[in-house]
Amino acid sequence: MEQRRTRRFKLQLPLNITRSGAERVTFNGLTKNISSSGVLFIASRGPELGGPIEYIITLTHDGPQIVTLRCIGKVLRAERIPRSPSEEPPAYQIAATLERYEFVRER
């Protein structure tokens, strides 16, 4: 039986990767689940394994104020998701730690 240190919450929230490894990048993803120590998400690019990653999760986009969670962590694993040849682009399931975070409120 699998035992985890922290509880995971199944949440599908928009995610934007802004840094992967040493390079600044911008690509989008969608969370599958989140815990206090990490996140599992789907994205169209596979990041550098073991490297640092910075990602922003949009918590709310309704109402007068957008609230996001800016996170810093490292990539634990990235697996390509099998897809049919007609489905483009390829997709990756990525697990990353959540080592530091800050809430950001945009007006």
Protein backbone atom coordinates (compact mmCIF):
# COMPACT_ATOMS: atom_id res chain seq x y z
CA MET A 1 0.00 0.00 0.00
CA GLU A 2 1.32 3.43 -0.96
CA GLN A 3 1.98 5.84 1.90
CA ARG A 4 2.47 9.54 1.35
CA ARG A 5 3.79 12.13 3.75
CA THR A 6 1.17 14.70 2.82
CA ARG A 7 -2.40 14.56 1.58
CA ARG A 8 -2.98 15.17 -2.13
CA PHE A 9 -5.89 17.15 -3.48
CA LYS A 10 -7.22 16.44 -6.98
CA LEU A 11 -7.45 19.89 -8.52
CA GLN A 12 -7.44 20.87 -12.17
CA LEU A 13 -6.09 24.41 -12.22
CA PRO A 14 -4.29 26.35 -14.96
CA LEU A 15 -0.53 26.40 -14.52
CA ASN A 16 2.15 28.43 -16.28
CA ILE A 17 5.81 27.32 -16.24
CA THR A 18 8.09 30.36 -16.32
CA ARG A 19 11.51 28.78 -15.71
CA SER A 20 12.87 25.31 -16.30
CA GLY A 21 16.51 24.62 -15.49
CA ALA A 22 18.69 27.60 -16.32
CA GLU A 23 16.45 28.96 -19.09
CA ARG A 24 13.45 31.27 -18.92
CA VAL A 25 10.52 29.63 -20.68
CA THR A 26 6.80 30.10 -20.92
CA PHE A 27 4.45 27.22 -21.47
CA ASN A 28 1.13 26.21 -20.00
CA GLY A 29 -0.13 23.18 -18.18
CA LEU A 30 -2.93 21.88 -16.01
CA THR A 31 -2.57 20.50 -12.49
CA LYS A 32 -3.78 16.97 -11.71
CA ASN A 33 -3.14 17.05 -7.98
CA ILE A 34 -1.47 19.26 -5.39
CA SER A 35 -0.07 18.68 -1.92
CA SER A 36 1.84 20.85 0.52
CA SER A 37 5.09 19.35 -0.80
CA GLY A 38 4.51 19.15 -4.54
CA VAL A 39 2.37 19.16 -7.65
CA LEU A 40 1.59 16.76 -10.48
CA PHE A 41 0.66 18.42 -13.76
CA ILE A 42 0.29 17.90 -17.51
CA ALA A 43 2.21 20.10 -19.96
CA SER A 44 3.20 20.10 -23.62
CA ARG A 45 6.96 20.17 -22.87
CA GLY A 46 9.11 18.00 -20.67
CA PRO A 47 11.41 20.00 -18.36
CA GLU A 48 14.96 19.15 -17.32
CA LEU A 49 14.90 16.34 -14.73
CA GLY A 50 16.33 17.31 -11.35
CA GLY A 51 16.52 20.94 -12.41
CA PRO A 52 14.83 23.93 -10.82
CA ILE A 53 11.38 24.93 -11.96
CA GLU A 54 9.27 28.01 -11.36
CA TYR A 55 5.56 27.73 -11.98
CA ILE A 56 2.47 29.81 -11.34
CA ILE A 57 -0.86 28.20 -10.46
CA THR A 58 -3.99 30.30 -11.04
CA LEU A 59 -6.24 29.76 -8.01
CA THR A 60 -9.03 32.15 -8.99
CA HIS A 61 -9.76 33.98 -12.20
CA ASP A 62 -13.31 35.07 -11.41
CA GLY A 63 -14.28 38.24 -9.65
CA PRO A 64 -12.45 41.50 -9.19
CA GLN A 65 -9.04 40.02 -8.31
CA ILE A 66 -6.97 37.20 -9.82
CA VAL A 67 -5.10 35.15 -7.20
CA THR A 68 -2.10 33.05 -8.20
CA LEU A 69 0.42 30.94 -6.34
CA ARG A 70 4.02 31.48 -7.52
CA CYS A 71 6.03 28.33 -6.74
CA ILE A 72 9.69 27.31 -6.82
CA GLY A 73 10.73 23.67 -6.76
CA LYS A 74 12.58 21.01 -8.69
CA VAL A 75 11.48 18.46 -11.25
CA LEU A 76 11.27 14.95 -9.81
CA ARG A 77 10.05 13.11 -12.90
CA ALA A 78 8.59 13.69 -16.34
CA GLU A 79 6.85 10.96 -18.30
CA ARG A 80 5.61 11.27 -21.85
CA ILE A 81 1.91 10.42 -22.07
CA PRO A 82 1.15 7.97 -24.89
CA ARG A 83 -1.03 9.64 -27.51
CA SER A 84 -2.17 8.84 -31.01
CA PRO A 85 -0.11 10.33 -33.88
CA SER A 86 -2.98 12.69 -34.76
CA GLU A 87 -2.87 14.34 -31.32
CA GLU A 88 -0.40 17.21 -31.24
CA PRO A 89 1.58 18.39 -29.40
CA PRO A 90 2.89 15.56 -27.22
CA ALA A 91 2.01 15.75 -23.54
CA TYR A 92 4.06 15.07 -20.42
CA GLN A 93 3.03 14.25 -16.88
CA ILE A 94 5.42 16.12 -14.59
CA ALA A 95 5.97 15.82 -10.85
CA ALA A 96 7.68 18.76 -9.13
CA THR A 97 8.37 19.72 -5.54
CA LEU A 98 6.90 22.80 -3.94
CA GLU A 99 9.77 24.21 -1.89
CA ARG A 100 8.83 27.90 -1.74
CA TYR A 101 5.69 29.77 -2.66
CA GLU A 102 4.02 33.14 -2.45
CA PHE A 103 0.49 34.32 -3.13
CA VAL A 104 0.21 37.01 -5.78
CA ARG A 105 -2.89 39.15 -6.17
CA GLU A 106 -3.38 40.96 -9.46
CA ARG A 107 -5.83 43.80 -9.89
